[in-house]
């Protein structure tokens, strides 16, 4: 995928504070990892061998399960689960993101 991040942390299922991320299926976790690695839809689809419509369905279900509104929220939840940060400590980060954070899109379909 786009960036190769180290996988030396515990797996998501082993994290004590993974919370809602643990409820995701293995395929949904793979998609979260692609979103977290800032891969565009084409890269995620080709890497997993799925159609774009299937990817969109998975993303919609992930948004619902994690109770977030955007892919940035998915990446944030996934990052917290990987680092073992409690799910309820996100309120300060949300304020900082709204003030000055910008999301970049590398490629579009």
N, C-alpha and C. Protein backbone atom coordinates (compact mmCIF):
# COMPACT_ATOMS: atom_id res chain seq x y z
N UNK A 1 0.84 -1.17 0.00
CA UNK A 1 0.00 0.00 0.00
C UNK A 1 0.89 1.24 0.00
N UNK A 2 0.34 2.40 0.23
CA UNK A 2 1.06 3.64 0.06
C UNK A 2 2.28 3.75 0.97
N UNK A 3 2.12 3.57 2.25
CA UNK A 3 3.21 3.67 3.19
C UNK A 3 3.41 2.35 3.89
N UNK A 4 4.64 2.02 4.15
CA UNK A 4 4.92 0.79 4.87
C UNK A 4 5.19 1.15 6.32
N UNK A 5 4.20 1.00 7.18
CA UNK A 5 4.36 1.30 8.60
C UNK A 5 4.76 0.03 9.32
N UNK A 6 5.50 0.20 10.39
CA UNK A 6 5.98 -0.97 11.13
C UNK A 6 4.83 -1.69 11.80
N UNK A 7 4.92 -3.00 11.81
CA UNK A 7 3.87 -3.84 12.40
C UNK A 7 4.39 -4.51 13.66
N UNK A 8 5.31 -3.82 14.38
CA UNK A 8 5.88 -4.44 15.56
C UNK A 8 4.99 -4.31 16.79
N UNK A 9 3.91 -3.54 16.72
CA UNK A 9 2.97 -3.44 17.83
C UNK A 9 2.13 -4.71 17.89
N UNK A 10 1.44 -4.89 19.03
CA UNK A 10 0.55 -6.04 19.16
C UNK A 10 -0.52 -5.98 18.09
N UNK A 11 -1.05 -7.12 17.72
CA UNK A 11 -2.15 -7.12 16.77
C UNK A 11 -3.37 -6.47 17.43
N UNK A 12 -4.28 -5.97 16.61
CA UNK A 12 -5.45 -5.26 17.11
C UNK A 12 -6.25 -6.11 18.09
N UNK A 13 -6.41 -7.38 17.81
CA UNK A 13 -7.23 -8.23 18.67
C UNK A 13 -6.59 -8.44 20.05
N UNK A 14 -5.27 -8.22 20.17
CA UNK A 14 -4.59 -8.40 21.45
C UNK A 14 -4.59 -7.13 22.29
N UNK A 15 -4.92 -5.99 21.70
CA UNK A 15 -4.88 -4.72 22.43
C UNK A 15 -6.02 -4.66 23.44
N UNK A 16 -5.71 -4.28 24.68
CA UNK A 16 -6.76 -4.20 25.69
C UNK A 16 -7.74 -3.06 25.44
N UNK A 17 -7.31 -2.01 24.75
CA UNK A 17 -8.18 -0.85 24.55
C UNK A 17 -8.68 -0.73 23.11
N UNK A 18 -8.60 -1.80 22.34
CA UNK A 18 -8.99 -1.74 20.93
C UNK A 18 -10.47 -1.44 20.76
N UNK A 19 -11.28 -1.78 21.74
CA UNK A 19 -12.69 -1.41 21.73
C UNK A 19 -13.44 -1.82 20.49
N UNK A 20 -13.99 -0.84 19.81
CA UNK A 20 -14.87 -1.08 18.66
C UNK A 20 -14.13 -1.71 17.49
N UNK A 21 -12.84 -1.47 17.37
CA UNK A 21 -12.08 -2.03 16.24
C UNK A 21 -12.09 -3.55 16.30
N UNK A 22 -12.15 -4.12 17.51
CA UNK A 22 -12.20 -5.58 17.64
C UNK A 22 -13.46 -6.17 17.05
N UNK A 23 -14.52 -5.38 16.91
CA UNK A 23 -15.77 -5.90 16.35
C UNK A 23 -15.72 -6.04 14.83
N UNK A 24 -14.69 -5.49 14.20
CA UNK A 24 -14.59 -5.55 12.74
C UNK A 24 -14.14 -6.94 12.29
N UNK A 25 -14.60 -7.30 11.09
CA UNK A 25 -14.16 -8.57 10.50
C UNK A 25 -12.71 -8.44 10.05
N UNK A 26 -12.04 -9.56 9.79
CA UNK A 26 -10.66 -9.48 9.30
C UNK A 26 -10.53 -8.66 8.02
N UNK A 27 -11.48 -8.78 7.10
CA UNK A 27 -11.44 -8.00 5.85
C UNK A 27 -11.61 -6.51 6.14
N UNK A 28 -12.51 -6.19 7.06
CA UNK A 28 -12.71 -4.78 7.41
C UNK A 28 -11.45 -4.20 8.06
N UNK A 29 -10.75 -5.01 8.85
CA UNK A 29 -9.49 -4.55 9.44
C UNK A 29 -8.43 -4.31 8.36
N UNK A 30 -8.42 -5.15 7.32
CA UNK A 30 -7.48 -4.95 6.22
C UNK A 30 -7.77 -3.62 5.52
N UNK A 31 -9.04 -3.32 5.34
CA UNK A 31 -9.43 -2.07 4.70
C UNK A 31 -9.06 -0.89 5.60
N UNK A 32 -9.27 -1.02 6.90
CA UNK A 32 -8.86 0.03 7.84
C UNK A 32 -7.36 0.28 7.75
N UNK A 33 -6.61 -0.79 7.62
CA UNK A 33 -5.16 -0.64 7.51
C UNK A 33 -4.78 0.12 6.24
N UNK A 34 -5.48 -0.15 5.15
CA UNK A 34 -5.23 0.59 3.91
C UNK A 34 -5.56 2.07 4.06
N UNK A 35 -6.67 2.36 4.71
CA UNK A 35 -7.07 3.75 4.94
C UNK A 35 -6.06 4.42 5.86
N UNK A 36 -5.64 3.72 6.90
CA UNK A 36 -4.66 4.23 7.85
C UNK A 36 -3.32 4.52 7.17
N UNK A 37 -2.95 3.69 6.18
CA UNK A 37 -1.70 3.87 5.45
C UNK A 37 -1.82 4.90 4.33
N UNK A 38 -2.96 5.58 4.26
CA UNK A 38 -3.22 6.64 3.29
C UNK A 38 -3.23 6.15 1.84
N UNK A 39 -3.63 4.91 1.65
CA UNK A 39 -3.75 4.37 0.29
C UNK A 39 -5.05 4.87 -0.33
N UNK A 40 -5.03 5.13 -1.63
CA UNK A 40 -6.27 5.53 -2.30
C UNK A 40 -7.11 4.29 -2.59
N UNK A 41 -8.32 4.50 -3.00
CA UNK A 41 -9.24 3.38 -3.24
C UNK A 41 -8.68 2.37 -4.24
N UNK A 42 -8.08 2.87 -5.31
CA UNK A 42 -7.53 1.96 -6.32
C UNK A 42 -6.48 1.03 -5.72
N UNK A 43 -5.61 1.58 -4.88
CA UNK A 43 -4.56 0.78 -4.26
C UNK A 43 -5.14 -0.26 -3.31
N UNK A 44 -6.13 0.13 -2.53
CA UNK A 44 -6.75 -0.81 -1.60
C UNK A 44 -7.45 -1.93 -2.38
N UNK A 45 -8.21 -1.55 -3.40
CA UNK A 45 -8.93 -2.55 -4.21
C UNK A 45 -7.98 -3.54 -4.88
N UNK A 46 -6.92 -3.03 -5.49
CA UNK A 46 -6.00 -3.93 -6.17
C UNK A 46 -5.22 -4.78 -5.17
N UNK A 47 -4.88 -4.22 -4.04
CA UNK A 47 -4.15 -4.98 -3.02
C UNK A 47 -4.96 -6.11 -2.43
N UNK A 48 -6.28 -5.90 -2.30
CA UNK A 48 -7.14 -6.92 -1.71
C UNK A 48 -7.90 -7.75 -2.75
N UNK A 49 -7.83 -7.33 -4.01
CA UNK A 49 -8.52 -8.06 -5.07
C UNK A 49 -10.03 -7.95 -5.00
N UNK A 50 -10.53 -6.75 -4.70
CA UNK A 50 -11.97 -6.54 -4.61
C UNK A 50 -12.38 -5.39 -5.54
N UNK A 51 -13.66 -5.33 -5.84
CA UNK A 51 -14.19 -4.27 -6.69
C UNK A 51 -14.39 -2.99 -5.87
N UNK A 52 -14.43 -1.87 -6.56
CA UNK A 52 -14.60 -0.58 -5.89
C UNK A 52 -15.92 -0.52 -5.13
N UNK A 53 -16.98 -1.06 -5.67
CA UNK A 53 -18.27 -1.08 -4.99
C UNK A 53 -18.23 -1.87 -3.69
N UNK A 54 -17.49 -2.97 -3.71
CA UNK A 54 -17.32 -3.78 -2.50
C UNK A 54 -16.56 -3.00 -1.44
N UNK A 55 -15.54 -2.28 -1.87
CA UNK A 55 -14.78 -1.44 -0.94
C UNK A 55 -15.68 -0.39 -0.30
N UNK A 56 -16.49 0.25 -1.10
CA UNK A 56 -17.39 1.29 -0.58
C UNK A 56 -18.38 0.70 0.43
N UNK A 57 -18.87 -0.51 0.16
CA UNK A 57 -19.77 -1.18 1.10
C UNK A 57 -19.06 -1.45 2.42
N UNK A 58 -17.83 -1.96 2.34
CA UNK A 58 -17.06 -2.23 3.56
C UNK A 58 -16.81 -0.94 4.34
N UNK A 59 -16.44 0.13 3.65
CA UNK A 59 -16.17 1.41 4.32
C UNK A 59 -17.43 1.92 5.02
N UNK A 60 -18.58 1.79 4.37
CA UNK A 60 -19.84 2.21 4.99
C UNK A 60 -20.10 1.43 6.26
N UNK A 61 -19.89 0.13 6.23
CA UNK A 61 -20.10 -0.70 7.42
C UNK A 61 -19.10 -0.36 8.53
N UNK A 62 -17.86 -0.08 8.15
CA UNK A 62 -16.85 0.30 9.13
C UNK A 62 -17.22 1.62 9.80
N UNK A 63 -17.67 2.59 9.01
CA UNK A 63 -18.10 3.88 9.56
C UNK A 63 -19.20 3.67 10.59
N UNK A 64 -20.15 2.81 10.27
CA UNK A 64 -21.26 2.53 11.17
C UNK A 64 -20.78 1.85 12.46
N UNK A 65 -19.93 0.83 12.31
CA UNK A 65 -19.47 0.06 13.46
C UNK A 65 -18.59 0.88 14.40
N UNK A 66 -17.77 1.78 13.84
CA UNK A 66 -16.87 2.57 14.67
C UNK A 66 -17.50 3.88 15.14
N UNK A 67 -18.69 4.17 14.66
CA UNK A 67 -19.39 5.41 15.03
C UNK A 67 -18.58 6.65 14.68
N UNK A 68 -18.05 6.68 13.46
CA UNK A 68 -17.31 7.84 12.97
C UNK A 68 -17.95 8.30 11.66
N UNK A 69 -17.60 9.51 11.24
CA UNK A 69 -18.23 10.10 10.06
C UNK A 69 -17.37 10.12 8.81
N UNK A 70 -16.08 9.86 8.95
CA UNK A 70 -15.19 9.99 7.80
C UNK A 70 -14.08 8.94 7.83
N UNK A 71 -13.36 8.88 6.73
CA UNK A 71 -12.21 7.97 6.66
C UNK A 71 -11.12 8.42 7.61
N UNK A 72 -11.03 9.72 7.85
CA UNK A 72 -10.06 10.21 8.83
C UNK A 72 -10.40 9.66 10.22
N UNK A 73 -11.70 9.56 10.52
CA UNK A 73 -12.13 8.98 11.78
C UNK A 73 -11.77 7.51 11.87
N UNK A 74 -11.89 6.81 10.76
CA UNK A 74 -11.49 5.39 10.72
C UNK A 74 -10.00 5.27 11.02
N UNK A 75 -9.20 6.09 10.34
CA UNK A 75 -7.75 6.04 10.54
C UNK A 75 -7.38 6.38 11.99
N UNK A 76 -8.06 7.36 12.56
CA UNK A 76 -7.80 7.77 13.93
C UNK A 76 -8.13 6.63 14.91
N UNK A 77 -9.29 6.00 14.74
CA UNK A 77 -9.68 4.88 15.61
C UNK A 77 -8.70 3.71 15.46
N UNK A 78 -8.32 3.42 14.22
CA UNK A 78 -7.40 2.32 13.96
C UNK A 78 -6.04 2.60 14.59
N UNK A 79 -5.57 3.83 14.48
CA UNK A 79 -4.29 4.23 15.08
C UNK A 79 -4.34 4.07 16.60
N UNK A 80 -5.42 4.52 17.21
CA UNK A 80 -5.59 4.40 18.66
C UNK A 80 -5.58 2.94 19.09
N UNK A 81 -6.25 2.09 18.32
CA UNK A 81 -6.28 0.66 18.65
C UNK A 81 -4.89 0.05 18.54
N UNK A 82 -4.13 0.46 17.53
CA UNK A 82 -2.76 -0.06 17.36
C UNK A 82 -1.84 0.38 18.49
N UNK A 83 -2.05 1.61 18.97
CA UNK A 83 -1.19 2.15 20.02
C UNK A 83 -1.68 1.83 21.42
N UNK A 84 -2.92 1.30 21.52
CA UNK A 84 -3.47 0.97 22.82
C UNK A 84 -4.00 2.17 23.59
N UNK A 85 -4.38 3.23 22.88
CA UNK A 85 -4.92 4.43 23.51
C UNK A 85 -6.41 4.22 23.76
N UNK A 86 -6.92 4.53 24.95
CA UNK A 86 -8.34 4.36 25.24
C UNK A 86 -9.22 5.14 24.27
N UNK A 87 -10.35 4.56 23.95
CA UNK A 87 -11.25 5.16 22.95
C UNK A 87 -11.85 6.47 23.41
N UNK A 88 -11.96 6.72 24.72
CA UNK A 88 -12.62 7.93 25.19
C UNK A 88 -11.69 9.14 25.29
N UNK A 89 -10.43 9.01 24.91
CA UNK A 89 -9.50 10.13 25.00
C UNK A 89 -9.38 10.90 23.68
N UNK A 90 -10.37 10.82 22.83
CA UNK A 90 -10.29 11.43 21.50
C UNK A 90 -10.84 12.83 21.42
N UNK A 91 -11.51 13.34 22.44
CA UNK A 91 -12.21 14.62 22.33
C UNK A 91 -11.26 15.78 22.08
N UNK A 92 -10.10 15.83 22.73
CA UNK A 92 -9.15 16.91 22.51
C UNK A 92 -8.59 16.86 21.10
N UNK A 93 -8.30 15.67 20.59
CA UNK A 93 -7.77 15.54 19.25
C UNK A 93 -8.76 16.02 18.20
N UNK A 94 -10.06 15.76 18.43
CA UNK A 94 -11.09 16.19 17.48
C UNK A 94 -11.07 17.71 17.36
N UNK A 95 -10.93 18.42 18.48
CA UNK A 95 -10.91 19.87 18.44
C UNK A 95 -9.69 20.38 17.66
N UNK A 96 -8.53 19.79 17.89
CA UNK A 96 -7.32 20.19 17.19
C UNK A 96 -7.45 19.96 15.69
N UNK A 97 -8.05 18.85 15.31
CA UNK A 97 -8.20 18.53 13.89
C UNK A 97 -9.12 19.53 13.20
N UNK A 98 -10.18 19.93 13.86
CA UNK A 98 -11.11 20.87 13.26
C UNK A 98 -10.49 22.24 13.08
N UNK A 99 -9.58 22.64 13.98
CA UNK A 99 -8.99 23.97 13.90
C UNK A 99 -8.01 24.10 12.74
N UNK A 100 -7.08 23.17 12.64
CA UNK A 100 -6.04 23.37 11.65
C UNK A 100 -5.67 22.17 10.81
N UNK A 101 -6.27 21.04 11.06
CA UNK A 101 -5.89 19.84 10.33
C UNK A 101 -6.47 19.80 8.93
N UNK A 102 -5.68 19.33 7.98
CA UNK A 102 -6.16 19.17 6.61
C UNK A 102 -5.88 17.75 6.16
N UNK A 103 -6.78 17.22 5.40
CA UNK A 103 -6.60 15.89 4.85
C UNK A 103 -6.15 16.01 3.41
N UNK A 104 -5.26 15.15 3.01
CA UNK A 104 -4.80 15.17 1.63
C UNK A 104 -5.33 13.94 0.91
N UNK A 105 -5.69 14.10 -0.33
CA UNK A 105 -6.11 12.96 -1.14
C UNK A 105 -5.07 12.78 -2.24
N UNK A 106 -4.49 11.60 -2.29
CA UNK A 106 -3.43 11.36 -3.25
C UNK A 106 -3.96 10.98 -4.63
N UNK A 107 -4.98 10.20 -4.68
CA UNK A 107 -5.54 9.83 -5.98
C UNK A 107 -7.01 9.59 -5.83
N UNK A 108 -7.73 9.81 -6.88
CA UNK A 108 -9.17 9.62 -6.88
C UNK A 108 -9.56 8.72 -8.03
N UNK A 109 -10.69 8.07 -7.87
CA UNK A 109 -11.19 7.21 -8.95
C UNK A 109 -12.17 8.00 -9.78
